[in-house]
Amino acid sequence: MRLAECSDTIVFGPQSLLATYERAGRLKVMSWPLEGPESGPSLIRSKGRHLSPAAERLMALFES
């Protein structure tokens, strides 16, 4: 999570775990648009940092 906070790294993990960091105001959780396991997969990224162009394009795929 520290890497996601200080870079444009996007982390994939269980929604229940990633939501802890979002509630703390540290990171932003985005829903995972594909069907997955019952654990509720999500993506997490830095809340206040701009993403690289490549990361922006990846996130655009998930937000549509």
PDB file of N, CA and C in Angstrom:
ATOM      1  N   MET A   1       0.808  -1.179   0.000  1.00  0.00           N
ATOM      2  CA  MET A   1       0.000   0.000   0.000  1.00  0.00           C
ATOM      3  C   MET A   1       0.866   1.263   0.000  1.00  0.00           C
ATOM      4  N   ARG A   2       2.010   1.167   0.661  1.00  0.00           N
ATOM      5  CA  ARG A   2       2.897   2.343   0.661  1.00  0.00           C
ATOM      6  C   ARG A   2       3.332   2.711  -0.748  1.00  0.00           C
ATOM      7  N   LEU A   3       3.596   1.707  -1.572  1.00  0.00           N
ATOM      8  CA  LEU A   3       3.991   1.970  -2.945  1.00  0.00           C
ATOM      9  C   LEU A   3       2.856   2.674  -3.695  1.00  0.00           C
ATOM     10  N   ALA A   4       1.634   2.252  -3.490  1.00  0.00           N
ATOM     11  CA  ALA A   4       0.486   2.885  -4.159  1.00  0.00           C
ATOM     12  C   ALA A   4       0.308   4.327  -3.689  1.00  0.00           C
ATOM     13  N   GLU A   5       0.643   4.603  -2.436  1.00  0.00           N
ATOM     14  CA  GLU A   5       0.490   5.955  -1.904  1.00  0.00           C
ATOM     15  C   GLU A   5       1.492   6.944  -2.494  1.00  0.00           C
ATOM     16  N   CYS A   6       2.646   6.472  -2.882  1.00  0.00           N
ATOM     17  CA  CYS A   6       3.676   7.415  -3.321  1.00  0.00           C
ATOM     18  C   CYS A   6       4.111   7.201  -4.770  1.00  0.00           C
ATOM     19  N   SER A   7       3.289   6.530  -5.563  1.00  0.00           N
ATOM     20  CA  SER A   7       3.608   6.335  -6.974  1.00  0.00           C
ATOM     21  C   SER A   7       2.302   6.186  -7.742  1.00  0.00           C
ATOM     22  N   ASP A   8       2.412   5.906  -9.022  1.00  0.00           N
ATOM     23  CA  ASP A   8       1.198   5.677  -9.796  1.00  0.00           C
ATOM     24  C   ASP A   8       0.890   4.191  -9.927  1.00  0.00           C
ATOM     25  N   THR A   9       1.377   3.400  -8.977  1.00  0.00           N
ATOM     26  CA  THR A   9       1.114   1.969  -8.943  1.00  0.00           C
ATOM     27  C   THR A   9      -0.360   1.721  -8.670  1.00  0.00           C
ATOM     28  N   ILE A  10      -0.904   0.740  -9.351  1.00  0.00           N
ATOM     29  CA  ILE A  10      -2.283   0.315  -9.138  1.00  0.00           C
ATOM     30  C   ILE A  10      -2.218  -1.066  -8.502  1.00  0.00           C
ATOM     31  N   VAL A  11      -2.918  -1.262  -7.402  1.00  0.00           N
ATOM     32  CA  VAL A  11      -2.864  -2.511  -6.645  1.00  0.00           C
ATOM     33  C   VAL A  11      -4.188  -3.255  -6.799  1.00  0.00           C
ATOM     34  N   PHE A  12      -4.112  -4.544  -7.021  1.00  0.00           N
ATOM     35  CA  PHE A  12      -5.281  -5.411  -7.113  1.00  0.00           C
ATOM     36  C   PHE A  12      -5.333  -6.238  -5.848  1.00  0.00           C
ATOM     37  N   GLY A  13      -6.506  -6.306  -5.216  1.00  0.00           N
ATOM     38  CA  GLY A  13      -6.625  -7.095  -4.005  1.00  0.00           C
ATOM     39  C   GLY A  13      -8.067  -7.209  -3.563  1.00  0.00           C
ATOM     40  N   PRO A  14      -8.325  -7.912  -2.465  1.00  0.00           N
ATOM     41  CA  PRO A  14      -9.687  -8.078  -1.968  1.00  0.00           C
ATOM     42  C   PRO A  14     -10.278  -6.735  -1.538  1.00  0.00           C
ATOM     43  N   GLN A  15     -11.508  -6.499  -1.936  1.00  0.00           N
ATOM     44  CA  GLN A  15     -12.172  -5.238  -1.625  1.00  0.00           C
ATOM     45  C   GLN A  15     -12.214  -4.986  -0.117  1.00  0.00           C
ATOM     46  N   SER A  16     -12.434  -6.030   0.668  1.00  0.00           N
ATOM     47  CA  SER A  16     -12.531  -5.851   2.117  1.00  0.00           C
ATOM     48  C   SER A  16     -11.241  -5.284   2.706  1.00  0.00           C
ATOM     49  N   LEU A  17     -10.102  -5.706   2.191  1.00  0.00           N
ATOM     50  CA  LEU A  17      -8.820  -5.199   2.675  1.00  0.00           C
ATOM     51  C   LEU A  17      -8.556  -3.784   2.155  1.00  0.00           C
ATOM     52  N   LEU A  18      -8.774  -3.576   0.867  1.00  0.00           N
ATOM     53  CA  LEU A  18      -8.477  -2.277   0.269  1.00  0.00           C
ATOM     54  C   LEU A  18      -9.387  -1.173   0.804  1.00  0.00           C
ATOM     55  N   ALA A  19     -10.618  -1.520   1.153  1.00  0.00           N
ATOM     56  CA  ALA A  19     -11.554  -0.525   1.686  1.00  0.00           C
ATOM     57  C   ALA A  19     -11.051   0.069   2.999  1.00  0.00           C
ATOM     58  N   THR A  20     -10.261  -0.682   3.756  1.00  0.00           N
ATOM     59  CA  THR A  20      -9.681  -0.177   5.004  1.00  0.00           C
ATOM     60  C   THR A  20      -8.829   1.058   4.734  1.00  0.00           C
ATOM     61  N   TYR A  21      -8.053   1.022   3.675  1.00  0.00           N
ATOM     62  CA  TYR A  21      -7.186   2.147   3.330  1.00  0.00           C
ATOM     63  C   TYR A  21      -7.995   3.330   2.799  1.00  0.00           C
ATOM     64  N   GLU A  22      -9.079   3.035   2.104  1.00  0.00           N
ATOM     65  CA  GLU A  22      -9.923   4.125   1.608  1.00  0.00           C
ATOM     66  C   GLU A  22     -10.619   4.819   2.778  1.00  0.00           C
ATOM     67  N   ARG A  23     -11.141   4.058   3.726  1.00  0.00           N
ATOM     68  CA  ARG A  23     -11.799   4.659   4.895  1.00  0.00           C
ATOM     69  C   ARG A  23     -10.835   5.531   5.686  1.00  0.00           C
ATOM     70  N   ALA A  24      -9.560   5.189   5.666  1.00  0.00           N
ATOM     71  CA  ALA A  24      -8.551   5.988   6.365  1.00  0.00           C
ATOM     72  C   ALA A  24      -8.176   7.241   5.566  1.00  0.00           C
ATOM     73  N   GLY A  25      -8.749   7.376   4.345  1.00  0.00           N
ATOM     74  CA  GLY A  25      -8.463   8.542   3.514  1.00  0.00           C
ATOM     75  C   GLY A  25      -7.112   8.495   2.824  1.00  0.00           C
ATOM     76  N   ARG A  26      -6.508   7.321   2.787  1.00  0.00           N
ATOM     77  CA  ARG A  26      -5.165   7.201   2.224  1.00  0.00           C
ATOM     78  C   ARG A  26      -5.172   6.874   0.739  1.00  0.00           C
ATOM     79  N   LEU A  27      -6.128   6.086   0.281  1.00  0.00           N
ATOM     80  CA  LEU A  27      -6.163   5.627  -1.095  1.00  0.00           C
ATOM     81  C   LEU A  27      -7.599   5.621  -1.607  1.00  0.00           C
ATOM     82  N   LYS A  28      -7.766   5.482  -2.907  1.00  0.00           N
ATOM     83  CA  LYS A  28      -9.090   5.465  -3.528  1.00  0.00           C
ATOM     84  C   LYS A  28      -9.336   4.086  -4.121  1.00  0.00           C
ATOM     85  N   VAL A  29     -10.442   3.453  -3.734  1.00  0.00           N
ATOM     86  CA  VAL A  29     -10.806   2.139  -4.243  1.00  0.00           C
ATOM     87  C   VAL A  29     -11.721   2.317  -5.451  1.00  0.00           C
ATOM     88  N   MET A  30     -11.453   1.530  -6.476  1.00  0.00           N
ATOM     89  CA  MET A  30     -12.280   1.534  -7.683  1.00  0.00           C
ATOM     90  C   MET A  30     -12.816   0.123  -7.860  1.00  0.00           C
ATOM     91  N   SER A  31     -14.047   0.008  -8.292  1.00  0.00           N
ATOM     92  CA  SER A  31     -14.624  -1.326  -8.459  1.00  0.00           C
ATOM     93  C   SER A  31     -13.940  -2.073  -9.592  1.00  0.00           C
ATOM     94  N   TRP A  32     -13.964  -3.367  -9.502  1.00  0.00           N
ATOM     95  CA  TRP A  32     -13.388  -4.234 -10.528  1.00  0.00           C
ATOM     96  C   TRP A  32     -14.530  -4.589 -11.464  1.00  0.00           C
ATOM     97  N   PRO A  33     -14.437  -4.217 -12.735  1.00  0.00           N
ATOM     98  CA  PRO A  33     -15.578  -4.358 -13.645  1.00  0.00           C
ATOM     99  C   PRO A  33     -15.817  -5.756 -14.203  1.00  0.00           C
ATOM    100  N   LEU A  34     -14.955  -6.693 -13.878  1.00  0.00           N
ATOM    101  CA  LEU A  34     -15.090  -8.033 -14.430  1.00  0.00           C
ATOM    102  C   LEU A  34     -15.596  -8.990 -13.372  1.00  0.00           C
ATOM    103  N   GLU A  35     -16.232 -10.075 -13.823  1.00  0.00           N
ATOM    104  CA  GLU A  35     -16.697 -11.075 -12.886  1.00  0.00           C
ATOM    105  C   GLU A  35     -15.498 -11.741 -12.231  1.00  0.00           C
ATOM    106  N   GLY A  36     -15.559 -11.929 -10.940  1.00  0.00           N
ATOM    107  CA  GLY A  36     -14.417 -12.500 -10.251  1.00  0.00           C
ATOM    108  C   GLY A  36     -14.850 -13.359  -9.081  1.00  0.00           C
ATOM    109  N   PRO A  37     -13.901 -13.733  -8.255  1.00  0.00           N
ATOM    110  CA  PRO A  37     -14.223 -14.567  -7.093  1.00  0.00           C
ATOM    111  C   PRO A  37     -15.090 -13.807  -6.105  1.00  0.00           C
ATOM    112  N   GLU A  38     -15.691 -14.544  -5.201  1.00  0.00           N
ATOM    113  CA  GLU A  38     -16.609 -13.947  -4.240  1.00  0.00           C
ATOM    114  C   GLU A  38     -15.945 -12.972  -3.278  1.00  0.00           C
ATOM    115  N   SER A  39     -14.642 -12.886  -3.283  1.00  0.00           N
ATOM    116  CA  SER A  39     -13.952 -11.973  -2.367  1.00  0.00           C
ATOM    117  C   SER A  39     -14.133 -10.518  -2.764  1.00  0.00           C
ATOM    118  N   GLY A  40     -14.736 -10.251  -3.927  1.00  0.00           N
ATOM    119  CA  GLY A  40     -14.966  -8.881  -4.350  1.00  0.00           C
ATOM    120  C   GLY A  40     -13.690  -8.161  -4.715  1.00  0.00           C
ATOM    121  N   PRO A  41     -13.015  -8.547  -5.818  1.00  0.00           N
ATOM    122  CA  PRO A  41     -11.764  -7.894  -6.188  1.00  0.00           C
ATOM    123  C   PRO A  41     -11.966  -6.421  -6.507  1.00  0.00           C
ATOM    124  N   SER A  42     -10.972  -5.630  -6.210  1.00  0.00           N
ATOM    125  CA  SER A  42     -11.003  -4.190  -6.463  1.00  0.00           C
ATOM    126  C   SER A  42      -9.618  -3.722  -6.879  1.00  0.00           C
ATOM    127  N   LEU A  43      -9.554  -2.493  -7.322  1.00  0.00           N
ATOM    128  CA  LEU A  43      -8.295  -1.818  -7.608  1.00  0.00           C
ATOM    129  C   LEU A  43      -8.142  -0.694  -6.611  1.00  0.00           C
ATOM    130  N   ILE A  44      -6.921  -0.349  -6.287  1.00  0.00           N
ATOM    131  CA  ILE A  44      -6.679   0.773  -5.385  1.00  0.00           C
ATOM    132  C   ILE A  44      -5.535   1.591  -5.961  1.00  0.00           C
ATOM    133  N   ARG A  45      -5.636   2.898  -5.801  1.00  0.00           N
ATOM    134  CA  ARG A  45      -4.604   3.793  -6.316  1.00  0.00           C
ATOM    135  C   ARG A  45      -4.492   4.988  -5.398  1.00  0.00           C
ATOM    136  N   SER A  46      -3.447   5.742  -5.575  1.00  0.00           N
ATOM    137  CA  SER A  46      -3.223   6.927  -4.760  1.00  0.00           C
ATOM    138  C   SER A  46      -4.391   7.893  -4.904  1.00  0.00           C
ATOM    139  N   LYS A  47      -4.833   8.450  -3.802  1.00  0.00           N
ATOM    140  CA  LYS A  47      -5.981   9.351  -3.817  1.00  0.00           C
ATOM    141  C   LYS A  47      -5.625  10.720  -4.377  1.00  0.00           C
ATOM    142  N   GLY A  48      -4.446  11.216  -4.100  1.00  0.00           N
ATOM    143  CA  GLY A  48      -4.116  12.573  -4.473  1.00  0.00           C
ATOM    144  C   GLY A  48      -3.071  12.742  -5.557  1.00  0.00           C
ATOM    145  N   ARG A  49      -2.550  11.664  -6.094  1.00  0.00           N
ATOM    146  CA  ARG A  49      -1.485  11.760  -7.097  1.00  0.00           C
ATOM    147  C   ARG A  49      -2.040  11.564  -8.493  1.00  0.00           C
ATOM    148  N   HIS A  50      -1.415  12.218  -9.453  1.00  0.00           N
ATOM    149  CA  HIS A  50      -1.762  12.009 -10.850  1.00  0.00           C
ATOM    150  C   HIS A  50      -1.148  10.704 -11.316  1.00  0.00           C
ATOM    151  N   LEU A  51      -1.815  10.039 -12.227  1.00  0.00           N
ATOM    152  CA  LEU A  51      -1.309   8.782 -12.761  1.00  0.00           C
ATOM    153  C   LEU A  51      -0.494   9.035 -14.016  1.00  0.00           C
ATOM    154  N   SER A  52       0.360   8.092 -14.334  1.00  0.00           N
ATOM    155  CA  SER A  52       1.100   8.153 -15.593  1.00  0.00           C
ATOM    156  C   SER A  52       0.107   7.978 -16.739  1.00  0.00           C
ATOM    157  N   PRO A  53       0.478   8.363 -17.956  1.00  0.00           N
ATOM    158  CA  PRO A  53      -0.428   8.162 -19.089  1.00  0.00           C
ATOM    159  C   PRO A  53      -0.867   6.703 -19.255  1.00  0.00           C
ATOM    160  N   ALA A  54       0.042   5.761 -19.036  1.00  0.00           N
ATOM    161  CA  ALA A  54      -0.318   4.345 -19.156  1.00  0.00           C
ATOM    162  C   ALA A  54      -1.333   3.948 -18.086  1.00  0.00           C
ATOM    163  N   ALA A  55      -1.124   4.391 -16.863  1.00  0.00           N
ATOM    164  CA  ALA A  55      -2.059   4.073 -15.779  1.00  0.00           C
ATOM    165  C   ALA A  55      -3.406   4.743 -16.022  1.00  0.00           C
ATOM    166  N   GLU A  56      -3.408   5.965 -16.552  1.00  0.00           N
ATOM    167  CA  GLU A  56      -4.660   6.652 -16.882  1.00  0.00           C
ATOM    168  C   GLU A  56      -5.469   5.842 -17.896  1.00  0.00           C
ATOM    169  N   ARG A  57      -4.786   5.307 -18.904  1.00  0.00           N
ATOM    170  CA  ARG A  57      -5.487   4.518 -19.923  1.00  0.00           C
ATOM    171  C   ARG A  57      -6.041   3.238 -19.324  1.00  0.00           C
ATOM    172  N   LEU A  58      -5.277   2.588 -18.442  1.00  0.00           N
ATOM    173  CA  LEU A  58      -5.760   1.374 -17.780  1.00  0.00           C
ATOM    174  C   LEU A  58      -6.992   1.686 -16.957  1.00  0.00           C
ATOM    175  N   MET A  59      -6.942   2.760 -16.167  1.00  0.00           N
ATOM    176  CA  MET A  59      -8.084   3.109 -15.323  1.00  0.00           C
ATOM    177  C   MET A  59      -9.298   3.477 -16.175  1.00  0.00           C
ATOM    178  N   ALA A  60      -9.088   4.105 -17.318  1.00  0.00           N
ATOM    179  CA  ALA A  60     -10.202   4.445 -18.204  1.00  0.00           C
ATOM    180  C   ALA A  60     -10.944   3.181 -18.663  1.00  0.00           C
ATOM    181  N   LEU A  61     -10.217   2.099 -18.858  1.00  0.00           N
ATOM    182  CA  LEU A  61     -10.856   0.843 -19.236  1.00  0.00           C
ATOM    183  C   LEU A  61     -11.792   0.342 -18.135  1.00  0.00           C
ATOM    184  N   PHE A  62     -11.390   0.528 -16.882  1.00  0.00           N
ATOM    185  CA  PHE A  62     -12.188   0.048 -15.765  1.00  0.00           C
ATOM    186  C   PHE A  62     -13.345   0.979 -15.428  1.00  0.00           C
ATOM    187  N   GLU A  63     -13.210   2.245 -15.764  1.00  0.00           N
ATOM    188  CA  GLU A  63     -14.262   3.211 -15.413  1.00  0.00           C
ATOM    189  C   GLU A  63     -15.367   3.261 -16.442  1.00  0.00           C
ATOM    190  N   SER A  64     -15.203   2.639 -17.608  1.00  0.00           N
ATOM    191  CA  SER A  64     -16.246   2.702 -18.637  1.00  0.00           C
ATOM    192  C   SER A  64     -17.268   1.604 -18.502  1.00  0.00           C
TER     193      SER A  64
END
